[in-house]
Amino acid sequence: MDSEIGALIVIFTEFYYWATIPLMFLIHVGFCMYEVGASRAKKHMHTLLKNTMLIPLVTITFIFFGWWIYFAFPNGPFIYKGLGLIDAPSAVPWSELMGPHLGGPPVSDAITADDTAFWSRINGVFWAAFLLFSWTAASIVSGAVIERIRKTAFWILAIVLGSGTWIIDAAWGWHWDGWMVKLLGYHDAYASGVIHAVSGGFALGVLVVLGPRLAKFALDGTPRDIRPHNPWMVCVGLFLIYTGFWGFYVACNVPIIAAGDIGAQGAVFTATTIYLTPTTLSGITVNFLMSLSGGLMMGYMVSKGDAFWTYSGGLAGVITASAGNDLYYPYQALIIGAIGTWIAYKMHFWVENRFKIDDAVGAVAVHGYAGFWGLVIAGFVLWGHPSSGFEGYASISPWGQFAGAIIMFWVLGFIPAWIVSKILQGAGVLRIPKEIEILGLDFGSMEEHAVRDREVAETELQHAS
């Protein structure tokens, strides 16, 4: 660092991303509470461990290849002007910048002195912020498939999504130089599609193969409402997810960047989006709260006061407006959040009745349908707005956003999940056997604990006598 100002910028940027990580960790805490609250007592530990163990599995695979994908794949590969993979020496798992580094001279010819001066301090926290996005993507699927999927099968699917398909879509549609941004004018500042639509589509692909819970549909096909066993836990879980979204939104920005570095006029930007376009934390704060409010109010109205869908509606509202919340006026964020929640609620029950899909927590609706339509709505509201500050990029348009929504939900979400799920089903390892599902996935451990409890009680009585 050649100046005190340069040192302060690096320190601030490092701390900025570091602070987003514990906030986003609360999203995972919220998902665990939410899923346990929605599942039945005989399946709690299975539900909890299924979601918990994706943390180490996705983390390890993300450091091996997930992080590299983001920097190496923005061209498709070969979609943008026939260009292929981009060399990403700082993101390969054996890079000196993927471990502790104090910014000294590089030891590899692939790394420059500028890399070690800046990325040595930023790479780890930036990697971790993206990793928490990966956990979120996989956890979205976890809730949809509770009470009937084998843990091992879910973990395989979590790796495919968390360290594979979602980071591919991030390279295509979230990287400032991604081919979807250049050719389609794709705009998705806070991940309506990049994380939520792809995860919702992925969850739907799994559910089509996995099938419903045994008690979900009556013999005539009428769906039953399997109520959350603990609505209070569901409520707290969703509020923790709301809280974690503050870190989620902030991690989607880049703090303090020189205007000249992105071909703009002026001295510095105090914040930009992931596309390196100007934004402010003040603006996204207002829009986040307005879209949350629109979702909560619509969720309450459309569900006639149902607590589960009211809280879920708040999340759907934020997700719908997230694509354009860097550019929307607050009243637009409010209305768009409400519209997305109405669509998500109506589509959830239509798909459930028409196709007999058992989405246990409404994850496909809240994340997938809301995220899909959030992209489409942004195309109309932001029509003609530049997608990037760089010259030659397509402008935002309804058709570019709709094409992006198809890519996110169907191409990178539904199709890979359906294929992997069919393979797991063919191998006989996708779904829990019916007998175990009826007894409860925690049956073995519950029996073991009951035996131990009886032994403890009997020993206490012996001592007492």
Protein backbone atom coordinates (compact mmCIF):
# COMPACT_ATOMS: atom_id res chain seq x y z
CA MET A 1 0.00 0.00 0.00
CA ASP A 2 1.57 3.24 -1.11
CA SER A 3 -0.33 5.63 1.19
CA GLU A 4 -2.28 5.87 4.41
CA ILE A 5 -5.45 6.50 2.37
CA GLY A 6 -4.80 3.32 0.38
CA ALA A 7 -4.31 1.40 3.61
CA LEU A 8 -7.56 2.76 5.06
CA ILE A 9 -9.49 1.79 1.91
CA VAL A 10 -8.18 -1.76 2.09
CA ILE A 11 -8.89 -2.06 5.82
CA PHE A 12 -12.41 -0.67 5.39
CA THR A 13 -13.16 -2.99 2.47
CA GLU A 14 -11.87 -5.99 4.40
CA PHE A 15 -13.95 -5.12 7.45
CA TYR A 16 -16.96 -4.29 5.28
CA TYR A 17 -17.18 -7.81 3.88
CA TRP A 18 -16.21 -9.40 7.17
CA ALA A 19 -19.19 -7.69 8.85
CA THR A 20 -21.61 -9.11 6.27
CA ILE A 21 -20.63 -12.69 7.11
CA PRO A 22 -22.10 -13.01 10.65
CA LEU A 23 -25.23 -11.23 9.48
CA MET A 24 -25.65 -13.71 6.62
CA PHE A 25 -24.89 -16.54 9.04
CA LEU A 26 -28.17 -15.58 10.72
CA ILE A 27 -29.95 -16.56 7.49
CA HIS A 28 -28.79 -20.13 8.03
CA VAL A 29 -29.77 -20.03 11.71
CA GLY A 30 -33.18 -18.78 10.59
CA PHE A 31 -33.57 -21.55 8.02
CA CYS A 32 -32.75 -24.20 10.63
CA MET A 33 -35.35 -22.81 13.05
CA TYR A 34 -37.87 -22.32 10.26
CA GLU A 35 -37.54 -25.91 9.01
CA VAL A 36 -37.62 -27.50 12.45
CA GLY A 37 -40.67 -25.41 13.31
CA ALA A 38 -42.40 -26.54 10.11
CA SER A 39 -41.54 -30.25 10.48
CA ARG A 40 -43.16 -32.77 12.80
CA ALA A 41 -41.58 -33.79 16.09
CA LYS A 42 -40.59 -37.28 14.93
CA LYS A 43 -38.40 -35.77 12.19
CA HIS A 44 -36.68 -32.85 13.93
CA MET A 45 -33.11 -34.10 14.19
CA HIS A 46 -33.11 -35.37 10.62
CA THR A 47 -34.33 -31.96 9.46
CA LEU A 48 -31.78 -30.08 11.54
CA LEU A 49 -28.73 -32.20 10.66
CA LYS A 50 -29.66 -32.28 6.99
CA ASN A 51 -29.41 -28.51 6.85
CA THR A 52 -26.48 -28.16 9.24
CA MET A 53 -24.11 -30.53 7.46
CA LEU A 54 -24.37 -28.72 4.15
CA ILE A 55 -22.15 -26.07 5.81
CA PRO A 56 -18.91 -28.11 5.80
CA LEU A 57 -19.71 -29.93 2.56
CA VAL A 58 -20.44 -26.80 0.53
CA THR A 59 -17.59 -24.91 2.19
CA ILE A 60 -14.99 -27.50 1.25
CA THR A 61 -16.22 -27.92 -2.32
CA PHE A 62 -16.58 -24.16 -2.75
CA ILE A 63 -12.93 -23.59 -1.90
CA PHE A 64 -11.87 -26.37 -4.28
CA PHE A 65 -13.81 -25.27 -7.36
CA GLY A 66 -16.82 -23.01 -6.64
CA TRP A 67 -14.85 -19.80 -6.18
CA TRP A 68 -12.82 -20.43 -9.32
CA ILE A 69 -16.00 -20.83 -11.41
CA TYR A 70 -17.11 -17.27 -10.67
CA PHE A 71 -13.97 -15.72 -12.12
CA ALA A 72 -13.37 -18.24 -14.90
CA PHE A 73 -16.85 -18.56 -16.47
CA PRO A 74 -18.26 -15.07 -17.24
CA ASN A 75 -18.08 -15.79 -20.99
CA GLY A 76 -20.25 -18.84 -20.72
CA PRO A 77 -17.79 -20.32 -21.73
CA PHE A 78 -17.77 -19.66 -25.49
CA ILE A 79 -21.13 -17.82 -25.50
CA TYR A 80 -19.72 -14.31 -25.63
CA LYS A 81 -17.86 -13.81 -28.95
CA GLY A 82 -16.56 -17.37 -28.78
CA LEU A 83 -14.37 -16.55 -25.80
CA GLY A 84 -13.63 -19.37 -23.40
CA LEU A 85 -12.48 -19.64 -19.82
CA ILE A 86 -10.67 -16.74 -18.19
CA ASP A 87 -7.47 -17.38 -16.29
CA ALA A 88 -8.17 -16.90 -12.56
CA PRO A 89 -4.89 -17.55 -10.73
CA SER A 90 -6.03 -15.92 -7.47
CA ALA A 91 -9.11 -18.17 -7.23
CA VAL A 92 -7.66 -21.65 -7.81
CA PRO A 93 -7.47 -23.62 -4.55
CA TRP A 94 -3.67 -23.82 -4.58
CA SER A 95 -3.22 -20.05 -5.05
CA GLU A 96 -1.08 -18.28 -2.48
CA LEU A 97 -3.94 -15.79 -2.10
CA MET A 98 -6.36 -18.51 -0.96
CA GLY A 99 -4.52 -18.74 2.36
CA PRO A 100 -3.02 -16.33 4.91
CA HIS A 101 -0.94 -13.74 3.07
CA LEU A 102 0.52 -10.50 4.40
CA GLY A 103 0.88 -8.75 1.08
CA GLY A 104 4.56 -9.34 0.38
CA PRO A 105 6.11 -10.09 -3.00
CA PRO A 106 4.30 -12.84 -4.95
CA VAL A 107 5.93 -16.25 -5.08
CA SER A 108 4.16 -17.24 -8.30
CA ASP A 109 4.52 -15.69 -11.75
CA ALA A 110 0.72 -15.88 -12.09
CA ILE A 111 0.25 -13.37 -9.25
CA THR A 112 1.30 -9.72 -9.48
CA ALA A 113 2.46 -7.35 -6.76
CA ASP A 114 -0.85 -5.47 -7.11
CA ASP A 115 -2.66 -8.74 -6.42
CA THR A 116 -0.76 -9.38 -3.21
CA ALA A 117 -1.12 -5.77 -2.08
CA PHE A 118 -4.93 -5.81 -2.33
CA TRP A 119 -6.35 -9.31 -2.81
CA SER A 120 -4.19 -10.83 -0.09
CA ARG A 121 -6.39 -8.99 2.40
CA ILE A 122 -9.70 -9.05 0.54
CA ASN A 123 -9.82 -12.48 -1.08
CA GLY A 124 -10.71 -14.43 2.05
CA VAL A 125 -13.61 -12.25 3.22
CA PHE A 126 -14.91 -11.82 -0.33
CA TRP A 127 -14.77 -15.61 -0.76
CA ALA A 128 -16.61 -16.06 2.54
CA ALA A 129 -19.37 -13.63 1.55
CA PHE A 130 -19.99 -15.61 -1.63
CA LEU A 131 -19.81 -18.85 0.36
CA LEU A 132 -22.65 -17.66 2.59
CA PHE A 133 -24.68 -17.06 -0.60
CA SER A 134 -23.98 -20.72 -1.44
CA TRP A 135 -25.27 -21.87 1.94
CA THR A 136 -28.40 -19.78 1.43
CA ALA A 137 -29.03 -21.31 -2.00
CA ALA A 138 -28.76 -24.85 -0.65
CA SER A 139 -30.85 -24.09 2.46
CA ILE A 140 -33.70 -22.83 0.30
CA VAL A 141 -33.95 -26.33 -1.18
CA SER A 142 -33.60 -27.94 2.24
CA GLY A 143 -36.92 -26.56 3.47
CA ALA A 144 -38.90 -27.68 0.44
CA VAL A 145 -37.90 -31.35 0.79
CA ILE A 146 -38.19 -31.88 4.55
CA GLU A 147 -39.47 -35.12 6.09
CA ARG A 148 -38.77 -37.49 3.19
CA ILE A 149 -35.38 -37.05 1.53
CA ARG A 150 -32.31 -39.01 2.56
CA LYS A 151 -29.64 -36.82 4.13
CA THR A 152 -26.91 -38.10 1.81
CA ALA A 153 -29.00 -37.40 -1.28
CA PHE A 154 -29.70 -33.87 -0.10
CA TRP A 155 -26.01 -33.25 0.58
CA ILE A 156 -25.12 -34.30 -2.96
CA LEU A 157 -27.78 -31.95 -4.32
CA ALA A 158 -26.55 -29.16 -2.00
CA ILE A 159 -23.04 -29.46 -3.46
CA VAL A 160 -24.38 -29.44 -7.03
CA LEU A 161 -26.28 -26.21 -6.34
CA GLY A 162 -24.10 -24.52 -3.73
CA SER A 163 -20.74 -25.05 -5.43
CA GLY A 164 -21.97 -25.52 -8.99
CA THR A 165 -25.05 -24.21 -10.70
CA TRP A 166 -25.66 -21.06 -8.63
CA ILE A 167 -22.06 -19.89 -8.95
CA ILE A 168 -22.25 -20.52 -12.70
CA ASP A 169 -25.28 -18.24 -12.90
CA ALA A 170 -23.40 -15.69 -10.77
CA ALA A 171 -20.55 -15.76 -13.29
CA TRP A 172 -23.03 -15.31 -16.15
CA GLY A 173 -25.46 -12.79 -14.68
CA TRP A 174 -23.82 -11.21 -11.62
CA HIS A 175 -20.20 -10.76 -12.64
CA TRP A 176 -19.70 -7.22 -13.92
CA ASP A 177 -18.33 -8.75 -17.16
CA GLY A 178 -20.83 -11.63 -17.44
CA TRP A 179 -22.16 -12.52 -20.86
CA MET A 180 -25.79 -12.12 -19.75
CA VAL A 181 -25.09 -8.56 -18.64
CA LYS A 182 -23.35 -7.76 -21.92
CA LEU A 183 -25.76 -9.44 -24.34
CA LEU A 184 -29.09 -9.42 -22.51
CA GLY A 185 -28.73 -6.32 -20.37
CA TYR A 186 -29.49 -8.60 -17.41
CA HIS A 187 -29.88 -6.72 -14.13
CA ASP A 188 -30.24 -8.48 -10.79
CA ALA A 189 -28.57 -6.27 -8.20
CA TYR A 190 -29.66 -8.22 -5.09
CA ALA A 191 -30.16 -11.67 -6.55
CA SER A 192 -33.87 -12.18 -7.31
CA GLY A 193 -32.68 -14.64 -9.93
CA VAL A 194 -29.03 -15.35 -9.25
CA ILE A 195 -29.76 -16.97 -5.88
CA HIS A 196 -33.51 -17.15 -5.36
CA ALA A 197 -34.96 -18.12 -8.75
CA VAL A 198 -32.21 -20.67 -9.38
CA SER A 199 -32.73 -22.21 -5.92
CA GLY A 200 -36.51 -22.24 -6.32
CA GLY A 201 -36.21 -23.89 -9.72
CA PHE A 202 -33.73 -26.37 -8.28
CA ALA A 203 -36.12 -27.20 -5.43
CA LEU A 204 -38.94 -27.78 -7.91
CA GLY A 205 -36.75 -30.12 -9.97
CA VAL A 206 -36.05 -32.20 -6.86
CA LEU A 207 -39.69 -32.22 -5.73
CA VAL A 208 -40.98 -33.48 -9.09
CA VAL A 209 -38.83 -36.60 -8.68
CA LEU A 210 -38.99 -36.92 -4.88
CA GLY A 211 -42.78 -36.86 -4.60
CA PRO A 212 -45.03 -35.64 -1.77
CA ARG A 213 -45.02 -36.60 1.89
CA LEU A 214 -47.20 -39.65 2.47
CA ALA A 215 -49.91 -37.71 4.31
CA LYS A 216 -49.99 -34.68 2.04
CA PHE A 217 -52.73 -35.71 -0.38
CA ALA A 218 -55.98 -37.56 0.28
CA LEU A 219 -56.93 -40.56 -1.86
CA ASP A 220 -58.93 -38.28 -4.16
CA GLY A 221 -55.89 -36.01 -4.63
CA THR A 222 -57.11 -33.23 -2.37
CA PRO A 223 -54.12 -31.57 -0.65
CA ARG A 224 -53.98 -31.49 3.12
CA ASP A 225 -52.50 -28.59 5.03
CA ILE A 226 -49.80 -30.10 7.26
CA ARG A 227 -49.49 -27.27 9.74
CA PRO A 228 -46.15 -26.23 11.28
CA HIS A 229 -45.82 -27.90 14.66
CA ASN A 230 -44.34 -24.74 16.15
CA PRO A 231 -45.51 -21.49 14.48
CA TRP A 232 -43.55 -19.43 17.00
CA MET A 233 -40.28 -21.05 15.89
CA VAL A 234 -41.23 -20.45 12.25
CA CYS A 235 -41.86 -16.79 13.05
CA VAL A 236 -38.52 -16.30 14.81
CA GLY A 237 -36.72 -18.19 12.04
CA LEU A 238 -38.16 -15.93 9.36
CA PHE A 239 -37.32 -12.81 11.34
CA LEU A 240 -33.73 -14.04 11.60
CA ILE A 241 -33.75 -14.47 7.82
CA TYR A 242 -34.99 -10.88 7.47
CA THR A 243 -32.13 -9.79 9.73
CA GLY A 244 -29.58 -11.76 7.76
CA PHE A 245 -30.80 -10.15 4.56
CA TRP A 246 -29.18 -6.89 5.68
CA GLY A 247 -25.83 -8.62 5.35
CA PHE A 248 -26.98 -10.23 2.12
CA TYR A 249 -27.81 -6.87 0.54
CA VAL A 250 -24.61 -5.17 1.71
CA ALA A 251 -22.45 -8.07 0.50
CA CYS A 252 -23.88 -7.53 -2.99
CA ASN A 253 -22.17 -4.14 -3.11
CA VAL A 254 -18.55 -3.05 -3.60
CA PRO A 255 -17.42 -0.27 -1.21
CA ILE A 256 -15.10 2.60 -2.17
CA ILE A 257 -13.92 2.19 -5.72
CA ALA A 258 -12.03 4.72 -7.84
CA ALA A 259 -14.20 6.02 -10.65
CA GLY A 260 -11.35 5.67 -13.11
CA ASP A 261 -11.11 1.95 -12.39
CA ILE A 262 -14.57 1.44 -13.87
CA GLY A 263 -14.33 3.98 -16.68
CA ALA A 264 -16.46 6.62 -14.95
CA GLN A 265 -16.01 10.32 -14.29
CA GLY A 266 -15.15 11.71 -10.87
CA ALA A 267 -12.93 10.64 -8.01
CA VAL A 268 -14.46 7.72 -6.07
CA PHE A 269 -17.77 5.94 -5.57
CA THR A 270 -18.58 5.20 -1.95
CA ALA A 271 -20.55 2.15 -3.09
CA THR A 272 -21.40 0.31 -6.27
CA THR A 273 -23.52 -2.70 -7.05
CA ILE A 274 -21.98 -6.00 -8.06
CA TYR A 275 -22.11 -4.61 -11.62
CA LEU A 276 -19.91 -1.67 -10.55
CA THR A 277 -22.78 0.80 -11.07
CA PRO A 278 -23.31 3.54 -8.47
CA THR A 279 -25.63 2.97 -5.52
CA THR A 280 -25.97 4.03 -1.88
CA LEU A 281 -26.62 2.08 1.29
CA SER A 282 -29.23 4.71 2.12
CA GLY A 283 -31.22 3.96 -1.02
CA ILE A 284 -31.19 0.19 -0.65
CA THR A 285 -32.13 0.49 3.04
CA VAL A 286 -35.33 2.33 2.20
CA ASN A 287 -36.20 -0.04 -0.64
CA PHE A 288 -35.52 -3.14 1.44
CA LEU A 289 -37.94 -1.97 4.14
CA MET A 290 -40.56 -0.89 1.62
CA SER A 291 -40.49 -4.20 -0.26
CA LEU A 292 -40.61 -6.10 3.06
CA SER A 293 -43.63 -4.04 4.08
CA GLY A 294 -45.38 -4.61 0.77
CA GLY A 295 -44.82 -8.34 1.07
CA LEU A 296 -46.03 -8.53 4.66
CA MET A 297 -49.21 -6.59 3.96
CA MET A 298 -50.04 -8.59 0.83
CA GLY A 299 -49.20 -11.87 2.58
CA TYR A 300 -51.60 -10.99 5.37
CA MET A 301 -54.39 -9.94 3.00
CA VAL A 302 -54.16 -12.73 0.42
CA SER A 303 -53.88 -15.46 3.08
CA LYS A 304 -56.65 -13.92 5.21
CA GLY A 305 -54.36 -13.48 8.18
CA ASP A 306 -52.53 -16.82 8.07
CA ALA A 307 -49.36 -16.29 10.12
CA PHE A 308 -47.19 -18.68 8.08
CA TRP A 309 -47.95 -16.95 4.78
CA THR A 310 -47.82 -13.48 6.29
CA TYR A 311 -44.22 -13.98 7.41
CA SER A 312 -43.36 -15.79 4.19
CA GLY A 313 -44.98 -12.94 2.27
CA GLY A 314 -42.50 -10.49 3.76
CA LEU A 315 -39.64 -12.59 2.43
CA ALA A 316 -41.32 -12.95 -0.97
CA GLY A 317 -41.72 -9.18 -1.15
CA VAL A 318 -38.03 -8.55 -0.57
CA ILE A 319 -37.02 -11.24 -3.07
CA THR A 320 -39.34 -9.92 -5.80
CA ALA A 321 -37.99 -6.37 -5.55
CA SER A 322 -34.35 -7.37 -5.06
CA ALA A 323 -33.51 -7.40 -8.78
CA GLY A 324 -34.01 -3.64 -9.04
CA ASN A 325 -33.85 -2.36 -5.48
CA ASP A 326 -30.74 -0.36 -6.35
CA LEU A 327 -32.79 1.70 -8.83
CA TYR A 328 -36.43 1.58 -7.73
CA TYR A 329 -38.17 4.50 -6.12
CA PRO A 330 -39.45 3.43 -2.66
CA TYR A 331 -43.11 3.31 -3.74
CA GLN A 332 -42.12 1.08 -6.65
CA ALA A 333 -40.36 -1.28 -4.24
CA LEU A 334 -43.50 -1.39 -2.06
CA ILE A 335 -45.84 -2.18 -4.96
CA ILE A 336 -43.48 -4.66 -6.63
CA GLY A 337 -42.98 -6.51 -3.34
CA ALA A 338 -46.75 -6.78 -2.89
CA ILE A 339 -47.32 -7.99 -6.47
CA GLY A 340 -44.62 -10.65 -6.17
CA THR A 341 -46.09 -11.94 -2.92
CA TRP A 342 -49.56 -12.23 -4.48
CA ILE A 343 -48.11 -14.14 -7.46
CA ALA A 344 -46.05 -16.46 -5.23
CA TYR A 345 -49.05 -17.30 -3.01
CA LYS A 346 -51.43 -17.96 -5.90
CA MET A 347 -48.91 -20.00 -7.90
CA HIS A 348 -47.99 -22.13 -4.88
CA PHE A 349 -51.53 -23.43 -4.44
CA TRP A 350 -52.23 -23.69 -8.17
CA VAL A 351 -49.12 -25.85 -8.73
CA GLU A 352 -49.90 -27.88 -5.61
CA ASN A 353 -53.41 -28.69 -6.83
CA ARG A 354 -52.60 -29.09 -10.51
CA PHE A 355 -49.35 -31.07 -10.32
CA LYS A 356 -49.48 -32.53 -6.78
CA ILE A 357 -46.19 -30.90 -5.78
CA ASP A 358 -45.55 -30.94 -2.03
CA ASP A 359 -43.40 -27.89 -1.28
CA ALA A 360 -43.40 -28.19 2.51
CA VAL A 361 -42.48 -24.59 3.35
CA GLY A 362 -43.44 -22.77 0.15
CA ALA A 363 -39.76 -22.38 -0.84
CA VAL A 364 -40.40 -22.74 -4.57
CA ALA A 365 -43.05 -20.02 -4.35
CA VAL A 366 -41.30 -17.58 -2.02
CA HIS A 367 -37.90 -17.86 -3.70
CA GLY A 368 -38.51 -19.32 -7.14
CA TYR A 369 -41.75 -17.78 -8.40
CA ALA A 370 -41.16 -14.46 -6.63
CA GLY A 371 -37.58 -14.30 -7.93
CA PHE A 372 -38.65 -15.20 -11.48
CA TRP A 373 -41.34 -12.54 -11.65
CA GLY A 374 -39.11 -10.05 -9.88
CA LEU A 375 -36.72 -10.28 -12.82
CA VAL A 376 -39.52 -9.87 -15.34
CA ILE A 377 -41.06 -6.89 -13.54
CA ALA A 378 -37.63 -5.21 -13.35
CA GLY A 379 -37.39 -5.50 -17.13
CA PHE A 380 -40.49 -3.36 -17.57
CA VAL A 381 -39.91 -0.87 -14.77
CA LEU A 382 -36.24 -0.30 -15.67
CA TRP A 383 -36.69 -0.60 -19.43
CA GLY A 384 -33.92 1.27 -21.27
CA HIS A 385 -31.76 1.89 -18.19
CA PRO A 386 -28.06 1.03 -18.72
CA SER A 387 -27.19 -2.38 -17.29
CA SER A 388 -23.59 -1.29 -16.79
CA GLY A 389 -21.37 1.76 -16.75
CA PHE A 390 -19.20 0.15 -19.42
CA GLU A 391 -19.78 0.93 -23.06
CA GLY A 392 -21.25 -1.62 -25.45
CA TYR A 393 -23.44 -3.47 -22.93
CA ALA A 394 -27.12 -4.05 -23.73
CA SER A 395 -29.67 -1.96 -21.83
CA ILE A 396 -32.19 -3.45 -19.42
CA SER A 397 -35.29 -4.73 -21.26
CA PRO A 398 -38.29 -7.00 -20.65
CA TRP A 399 -37.05 -9.65 -23.08
CA GLY A 400 -33.52 -9.65 -21.63
CA GLN A 401 -34.90 -10.05 -18.11
CA PHE A 402 -37.37 -12.74 -19.19
CA ALA A 403 -34.60 -14.68 -20.94
CA GLY A 404 -32.51 -14.31 -17.79
CA ALA A 405 -35.37 -15.60 -15.65
CA ILE A 406 -35.70 -18.67 -17.89
CA ILE A 407 -31.97 -19.34 -17.63
CA MET A 408 -31.95 -18.96 -13.85
CA PHE A 409 -35.11 -20.88 -12.94
CA TRP A 410 -35.19 -23.57 -15.62
CA VAL A 411 -31.77 -23.99 -17.27
CA LEU A 412 -29.54 -23.72 -14.19
CA GLY A 413 -32.19 -24.54 -11.58
CA PHE A 414 -34.83 -27.09 -12.54
CA ILE A 415 -32.99 -29.14 -15.19
CA PRO A 416 -29.79 -29.97 -13.24
CA ALA A 417 -31.83 -30.79 -10.12
CA TRP A 418 -34.19 -33.07 -12.07
CA ILE A 419 -31.30 -34.91 -13.71
CA VAL A 420 -29.34 -35.46 -10.49
CA SER A 421 -32.50 -36.45 -8.61
CA LYS A 422 -33.39 -39.02 -11.28
CA ILE A 423 -29.90 -40.50 -10.97
CA LEU A 424 -30.22 -40.68 -7.18
CA GLN A 425 -33.70 -42.17 -7.50
CA GLY A 426 -32.41 -44.77 -9.96
CA ALA A 427 -29.70 -45.71 -7.47
CA GLY A 428 -32.34 -46.07 -4.75
CA VAL A 429 -30.82 -43.42 -2.51
CA LEU A 430 -33.11 -40.40 -2.96
CA ARG A 431 -36.05 -41.03 -0.65
CA ILE A 432 -36.49 -42.47 2.82
CA PRO A 433 -38.34 -45.85 2.82
CA LYS A 434 -42.07 -45.54 3.56
CA GLU A 435 -41.81 -47.51 6.79
CA ILE A 436 -39.19 -45.14 8.18
CA GLU A 437 -41.11 -42.09 6.99
CA ILE A 438 -44.19 -43.31 8.90
CA LEU A 439 -42.28 -44.15 12.08
CA GLY A 440 -40.29 -40.94 11.91
CA LEU A 441 -36.81 -40.26 10.63
CA ASP A 442 -35.60 -39.82 14.20
CA PHE A 443 -37.12 -43.15 15.32
CA GLY A 444 -33.81 -44.94 15.91
CA SER A 445 -32.24 -42.17 17.96
CA MET A 446 -35.49 -41.56 19.84
CA GLU A 447 -35.66 -45.22 20.86
CA GLU A 448 -32.01 -45.18 21.91
CA HIS A 449 -32.55 -42.06 23.98
CA ALA A 450 -35.68 -43.57 25.56
CA VAL A 451 -33.71 -46.68 26.61
CA ARG A 452 -30.98 -44.53 28.13
CA ASP A 453 -33.53 -42.36 29.93
CA ARG A 454 -35.16 -45.46 31.41
CA GLU A 455 -31.76 -46.77 32.53
CA VAL A 456 -30.96 -43.46 34.20
CA ALA A 457 -34.36 -43.38 35.94
CA GLU A 458 -33.98 -46.99 37.14
CA THR A 459 -30.48 -46.30 38.48
CA GLU A 460 -31.72 -43.24 40.34
CA LEU A 461 -34.50 -45.30 41.93
CA GLN A 462 -31.99 -47.96 42.98
CA HIS A 463 -29.84 -45.36 44.69
CA ALA A 464 -32.90 -43.83 46.33
CA SER A 465 -33.91 -47.19 47.80
